[in-house]
Amino acid sequence: MASCTNCGKAAAGEVSLRRCANCRDAQYCSRACQRADWKQHKQVCELKQTTTHDANASTETSAGPSDSPSQAHGTARADGAPTIALLSLEKQGFFDEMFEGLVATLKAKGSITEYTDRDGAYDMLTAATRPDIVLATDAALPESKYMSIRRKAYDYATNGGTLIFMGHFSSFARPPAIKTMFNAFGLPWESGDYHRTTFDVNAAMTRFDTASLVPSYSQKALHLQHVAREDAIYLPTSSSQTQSMVFAPQSVNLAQSPAVLGVCGRGKVGYLGDVNAEEGTTKVVLAMCGIAV
């Protein structure tokens, strides 16, 4: 007879068991039992994860049985302001100083929690109530050691969340890893050129009110290629050229974009390749998050 992996209670009468959505082996009678067993179970669970997403994953999660048919996104503040998570598993020491203005603005607009360890990030992405917005601020997710977190980030986005890769992501993520990761999200994006260019707001971008953006934005960025035009927030114009204090100006690829927002299931995945905290950085991130300036 099936029984709870933690307490041994058998499934009978009012006691029902929920399987771990990752490994499909462990079963728990309650969320409390799952959490009690997590430190031991996670070592086995992560080895058995597969890239196949179970059709019933919306009714149970690897963090334990869900209390409702689907996981909700957070609105923890009484004023209805969005909940925002900074996913900073490989955080650089200069992030706080470099993006101080952006973080301060986000704090004024919503409720922010930063996650710098695997367990905390995993719990956040699998909780019954999850953040409205997750900002991946570094290059951790493409790394194989964070595979389990990446899979949960995929589940988060496809179930209605907003996941944005920004901050130091474009500075430290390797091109092959970027391609592999976005492909895992069902997106054809991959690394393009790296240079400073002035971009204009893409008139075809209709996912949010472009009036809140800086109309023309000079940024030093790692661009993405294979981006659908309707997913590009900024695009170079026919007069755009590379900007450098050393090298002569050159023409740029008009199909590449440094700021992208695409659909992933019922949610959104965004990318900002700006390697500096430029004038328009804060406004782009806010727009991707759906937050009014």
Protein backbone atom coordinates (compact mmCIF):
# COMPACT_ATOMS: atom_id res chain seq x y z
CA MET A 1 0.00 0.00 0.00
CA ALA A 2 1.29 3.47 -0.87
CA SER A 3 2.45 5.57 2.06
CA CYS A 4 3.89 9.02 2.78
CA THR A 5 7.65 9.10 2.17
CA ASN A 6 8.17 11.19 5.30
CA CYS A 7 5.79 9.95 8.01
CA GLY A 8 4.74 6.59 6.57
CA LYS A 9 1.03 7.35 6.78
CA ALA A 10 -0.88 5.12 4.35
CA ALA A 11 -3.29 6.46 1.75
CA ALA A 12 -6.75 5.67 3.06
CA GLY A 13 -10.00 7.46 3.74
CA GLU A 14 -9.35 11.19 3.93
CA VAL A 15 -5.60 10.73 3.56
CA SER A 16 -4.51 11.25 -0.04
CA LEU A 17 -0.97 11.30 -1.36
CA ARG A 18 0.57 13.61 -3.94
CA ARG A 19 3.62 12.59 -5.94
CA CYS A 20 6.65 14.82 -6.40
CA ALA A 21 6.16 16.43 -9.82
CA ASN A 22 9.86 16.06 -10.67
CA CYS A 23 10.91 12.50 -9.93
CA ARG A 24 7.40 10.99 -9.59
CA ASP A 25 8.72 8.65 -6.89
CA ALA A 26 8.28 10.34 -3.51
CA GLN A 27 4.74 10.75 -2.17
CA TYR A 28 3.53 13.03 0.61
CA CYS A 29 0.35 13.35 2.63
CA SER A 30 0.87 17.07 3.31
CA ARG A 31 3.03 20.04 2.44
CA ALA A 32 4.52 19.90 5.95
CA CYS A 33 5.77 16.34 5.33
CA GLN A 34 7.27 17.30 1.97
CA ARG A 35 9.17 20.21 3.51
CA ALA A 36 10.38 18.04 6.38
CA ASP A 37 11.79 15.52 3.91
CA TRP A 38 13.12 17.99 1.33
CA LYS A 39 16.76 18.17 2.51
CA GLN A 40 17.13 14.42 2.03
CA HIS A 41 14.85 14.02 -0.96
CA LYS A 42 16.29 16.81 -3.13
CA GLN A 43 19.56 14.90 -3.65
CA VAL A 44 17.68 12.02 -5.26
CA CYS A 45 15.03 14.16 -6.90
CA GLU A 46 17.44 16.33 -8.89
CA LEU A 47 19.16 13.27 -10.33
CA LYS A 48 15.84 11.92 -11.63
CA GLN A 49 14.48 15.08 -13.20
CA THR A 50 13.70 14.93 -16.89
CA THR A 51 12.92 17.57 -19.48
CA THR A 52 9.42 16.16 -19.94
CA HIS A 53 6.82 18.24 -18.14
CA ASP A 54 4.07 16.11 -16.69
CA ALA A 55 0.58 16.90 -17.86
CA ASN A 56 -0.58 17.03 -14.24
CA ALA A 57 2.15 19.39 -13.08
CA SER A 58 -0.37 22.18 -12.59
CA THR A 59 -2.03 20.28 -9.75
CA GLU A 60 1.11 19.35 -7.84
CA THR A 61 4.60 20.74 -7.44
CA SER A 62 8.00 19.48 -6.41
CA ALA A 63 7.74 21.66 -3.32
CA GLY A 64 4.81 19.57 -2.12
CA PRO A 65 1.09 19.16 -2.81
CA SER A 66 -0.64 22.28 -3.98
CA ASP A 67 -3.56 23.70 -2.04
CA SER A 68 -5.37 24.70 -5.24
CA PRO A 69 -5.63 23.47 -8.86
CA SER A 70 -2.98 25.94 -10.05
CA GLN A 71 -0.26 28.01 -8.48
CA ALA A 72 -1.06 31.69 -8.11
CA HIS A 73 1.24 34.64 -8.59
CA GLY A 74 1.77 36.89 -5.62
CA THR A 75 0.06 40.08 -4.61
CA ALA A 76 1.46 40.20 -1.10
CA ARG A 77 1.21 43.97 -0.59
CA ALA A 78 -2.12 45.27 0.61
CA ASP A 79 -2.07 48.03 -2.01
CA GLY A 80 -1.99 45.49 -4.83
CA ALA A 81 1.54 46.41 -5.91
CA PRO A 82 3.43 43.61 -7.71
CA THR A 83 5.70 41.16 -5.95
CA ILE A 84 9.17 40.98 -7.50
CA ALA A 85 11.92 38.40 -6.99
CA LEU A 86 15.58 39.01 -7.82
CA LEU A 87 17.10 35.67 -8.80
CA SER A 88 20.79 36.26 -8.04
CA LEU A 89 22.42 32.84 -7.62
CA GLU A 90 25.78 34.00 -9.02
CA LYS A 91 25.56 37.59 -7.85
CA GLN A 92 28.45 39.91 -8.65
CA GLY A 93 29.72 42.11 -5.84
CA PHE A 94 29.17 45.31 -7.81
CA PHE A 95 25.53 44.60 -8.75
CA ASP A 96 24.03 46.58 -5.87
CA GLU A 97 26.02 49.70 -6.67
CA MET A 98 25.60 49.46 -10.43
CA PHE A 99 21.84 48.92 -10.37
CA GLU A 100 21.06 50.90 -7.24
CA GLY A 101 18.71 53.25 -9.08
CA LEU A 102 16.77 50.44 -10.74
CA VAL A 103 16.35 48.48 -7.51
CA ALA A 104 15.26 51.59 -5.61
CA THR A 105 12.61 52.31 -8.25
CA LEU A 106 11.35 48.74 -8.17
CA LYS A 107 11.10 48.88 -4.38
CA ALA A 108 9.00 52.01 -4.66
CA LYS A 109 6.70 50.27 -7.15
CA GLY A 110 6.37 46.86 -5.51
CA SER A 111 7.66 44.37 -2.96
CA ILE A 112 11.13 42.91 -3.65
CA THR A 113 12.84 39.79 -2.30
CA GLU A 114 16.30 38.68 -3.40
CA TYR A 115 17.23 34.99 -3.65
CA THR A 116 20.93 34.11 -3.65
CA ASP A 117 20.83 30.41 -2.73
CA ARG A 118 19.46 27.34 -4.53
CA ASP A 119 17.03 26.21 -1.85
CA GLY A 120 15.48 29.63 -1.47
CA ALA A 121 15.13 30.05 -5.24
CA TYR A 122 13.62 26.58 -5.62
CA ASP A 123 11.08 27.20 -2.88
CA MET A 124 10.18 30.57 -4.39
CA LEU A 125 9.55 29.10 -7.84
CA THR A 126 7.48 26.19 -6.52
CA ALA A 127 5.49 27.90 -3.77
CA ALA A 128 1.71 27.98 -3.85
CA THR A 129 1.89 31.75 -4.28
CA ARG A 130 4.74 32.93 -6.46
CA PRO A 131 6.04 36.40 -7.39
CA ASP A 132 4.41 38.30 -10.21
CA ILE A 133 7.83 39.05 -11.70
CA VAL A 134 11.20 37.26 -11.53
CA LEU A 135 14.33 39.13 -12.61
CA ALA A 136 17.26 36.83 -13.39
CA THR A 137 20.10 39.23 -12.64
CA ASP A 138 23.08 37.02 -13.49
CA ALA A 139 24.23 34.13 -15.67
CA ALA A 140 23.34 31.31 -13.28
CA LEU A 141 20.33 29.73 -15.00
CA PRO A 142 22.17 28.49 -18.14
CA GLU A 143 24.65 26.55 -15.97
CA SER A 144 24.06 22.82 -15.67
CA LYS A 145 24.29 22.89 -11.86
CA TYR A 146 21.15 25.04 -11.82
CA MET A 147 19.19 22.78 -14.16
CA SER A 148 16.49 22.12 -11.57
CA ILE A 149 16.00 25.85 -10.99
CA ARG A 150 15.84 26.50 -14.73
CA ARG A 151 13.11 23.88 -15.15
CA LYS A 152 11.09 25.50 -12.40
CA ALA A 153 11.65 28.89 -14.00
CA TYR A 154 10.21 27.43 -17.20
CA ASP A 155 7.17 26.15 -15.30
CA TYR A 156 6.82 29.56 -13.67
CA ALA A 157 6.82 31.40 -17.01
CA THR A 158 4.55 29.00 -18.87
CA ASN A 159 2.00 29.21 -16.07
CA GLY A 160 1.64 32.97 -16.36
CA GLY A 161 4.73 34.48 -14.75
CA THR A 162 7.01 37.19 -16.12
CA LEU A 163 10.69 36.17 -16.25
CA ILE A 164 13.26 38.74 -17.37
CA PHE A 165 16.97 38.18 -17.95
CA MET A 166 18.79 41.44 -17.23
CA GLY A 167 21.52 42.97 -15.09
CA HIS A 168 24.74 40.99 -15.47
CA PHE A 169 23.20 38.17 -17.45
CA SER A 170 24.44 39.38 -20.84
CA SER A 171 27.91 40.16 -19.48
CA PHE A 172 28.67 36.71 -18.12
CA ALA A 173 26.48 34.17 -19.95
CA ARG A 174 28.32 32.38 -22.78
CA PRO A 175 26.73 32.45 -26.25
CA PRO A 176 26.21 28.65 -26.53
CA ALA A 177 24.58 28.59 -23.10
CA ILE A 178 22.30 31.49 -24.00
CA LYS A 179 21.08 29.67 -27.11
CA THR A 180 20.50 26.41 -25.23
CA MET A 181 18.63 28.13 -22.44
CA PHE A 182 16.26 30.18 -24.59
CA ASN A 183 15.63 27.15 -26.78
CA ALA A 184 14.57 25.34 -23.59
CA PHE A 185 11.94 28.08 -23.19
CA GLY A 186 10.72 27.43 -26.73
CA LEU A 187 12.32 30.62 -28.04
CA PRO A 188 14.69 30.74 -31.06
CA TRP A 189 16.82 33.55 -29.63
CA GLU A 190 20.60 33.35 -29.57
CA SER A 191 23.55 35.69 -29.11
CA GLY A 192 24.20 38.24 -31.82
CA ASP A 193 26.58 41.20 -32.04
CA TYR A 194 28.07 43.14 -29.16
CA HIS A 195 28.48 46.90 -29.56
CA ARG A 196 27.08 50.31 -28.67
CA THR A 197 24.39 51.65 -30.97
CA THR A 198 21.46 54.02 -30.78
CA PHE A 199 18.11 52.21 -31.03
CA ASP A 200 14.59 53.46 -31.54
CA VAL A 201 11.41 52.06 -30.03
CA ASN A 202 9.96 49.39 -32.31
CA ALA A 203 6.54 50.55 -33.47
CA ALA A 204 5.49 46.92 -33.98
CA MET A 205 5.95 46.14 -30.27
CA THR A 206 2.48 46.16 -28.76
CA ARG A 207 2.97 44.17 -25.54
CA PHE A 208 2.92 47.35 -23.44
CA ASP A 209 2.60 51.12 -23.76
CA THR A 210 5.76 52.21 -25.57
CA ALA A 211 5.03 55.82 -24.59
CA SER A 212 6.71 55.14 -21.23
CA LEU A 213 10.02 54.24 -22.89
CA VAL A 214 12.89 56.49 -23.90
CA PRO A 215 12.16 56.93 -27.64
CA SER A 216 15.80 56.74 -28.72
CA TYR A 217 18.20 54.74 -26.55
CA SER A 218 21.98 54.50 -26.91
CA GLN A 219 23.20 51.38 -25.18
CA LYS A 220 26.19 49.10 -25.13
CA ALA A 221 24.66 45.66 -25.30
CA LEU A 222 24.83 42.05 -26.35
CA HIS A 223 22.09 41.76 -28.95
CA LEU A 224 19.92 38.78 -29.76
CA GLN A 225 19.27 37.42 -33.22
CA HIS A 226 16.40 35.33 -34.61
CA VAL A 227 13.95 37.59 -32.78
CA ALA A 228 10.46 38.00 -34.21
CA ARG A 229 9.91 41.65 -35.04
CA GLU A 230 6.88 41.88 -32.77
CA ASP A 231 9.05 40.69 -29.86
CA ALA A 232 11.75 43.37 -30.25
CA ILE A 233 11.31 46.37 -27.96
CA TYR A 234 14.13 48.37 -29.56
CA LEU A 235 15.56 48.04 -33.05
CA PRO A 236 18.32 49.87 -34.91
CA THR A 237 17.32 52.11 -37.80
CA SER A 238 18.84 52.37 -41.26
CA SER A 239 21.04 55.20 -39.96
CA SER A 240 22.25 53.34 -36.85
CA GLN A 241 26.00 52.76 -36.60
CA THR A 242 28.34 51.36 -33.99
CA GLN A 243 29.67 53.94 -31.54
CA SER A 244 33.27 53.73 -30.36
CA MET A 245 36.02 56.01 -29.08
CA VAL A 246 38.57 53.84 -30.90
CA PHE A 247 37.10 52.23 -34.01
CA ALA A 248 35.40 53.82 -36.99
CA PRO A 249 31.57 53.56 -37.14
CA GLN A 250 30.16 50.52 -38.89
CA SER A 251 26.69 49.53 -40.04
CA VAL A 252 24.74 47.19 -37.79
CA ASN A 253 22.44 44.23 -38.29
CA LEU A 254 18.94 45.70 -38.47
CA ALA A 255 17.31 42.42 -37.43
CA GLN A 256 19.03 42.18 -34.05
CA SER A 257 17.67 43.64 -30.82
CA PRO A 258 19.13 44.40 -27.37
CA ALA A 259 15.74 44.38 -25.66
CA VAL A 260 13.24 41.60 -26.26
CA LEU A 261 9.95 40.40 -24.79
CA GLY A 262 8.37 37.16 -26.02
CA VAL A 263 5.48 34.88 -25.12
CA CYS A 264 6.20 31.66 -23.24
CA GLY A 265 3.08 29.59 -22.65
CA ARG A 266 0.72 31.79 -20.64
CA GLY A 267 3.55 34.03 -19.46
CA LYS A 268 6.36 36.19 -20.78
CA VAL A 269 10.14 35.96 -21.07
CA GLY A 270 12.20 39.11 -21.51
CA TYR A 271 15.83 39.95 -22.18
CA LEU A 272 17.77 43.17 -21.75
CA GLY A 273 21.31 42.96 -23.10
CA ASP A 274 22.43 46.38 -21.84
CA VAL A 275 25.70 45.78 -19.96
CA ASN A 276 25.52 49.13 -18.17
CA ALA A 277 22.87 50.93 -16.14
CA GLU A 278 21.93 53.31 -18.94
CA GLU A 279 19.45 56.16 -18.80
CA GLY A 280 16.70 54.04 -20.26
CA THR A 281 17.45 50.79 -18.41
CA THR A 282 15.00 51.36 -15.59
CA LYS A 283 12.17 52.30 -17.95
CA VAL A 284 12.74 49.22 -20.12
CA VAL A 285 12.68 46.88 -17.14
CA LEU A 286 9.56 48.55 -15.73
CA ALA A 287 7.84 48.27 -19.11
CA MET A 288 8.70 44.56 -19.37
CA CYS A 289 7.26 44.08 -15.90
CA GLY A 290 4.07 45.90 -16.84
CA ILE A 291 4.72 48.56 -14.20
CA ALA A 292 3.81 52.17 -14.91
CA VAL A 293 6.69 54.63 -14.67
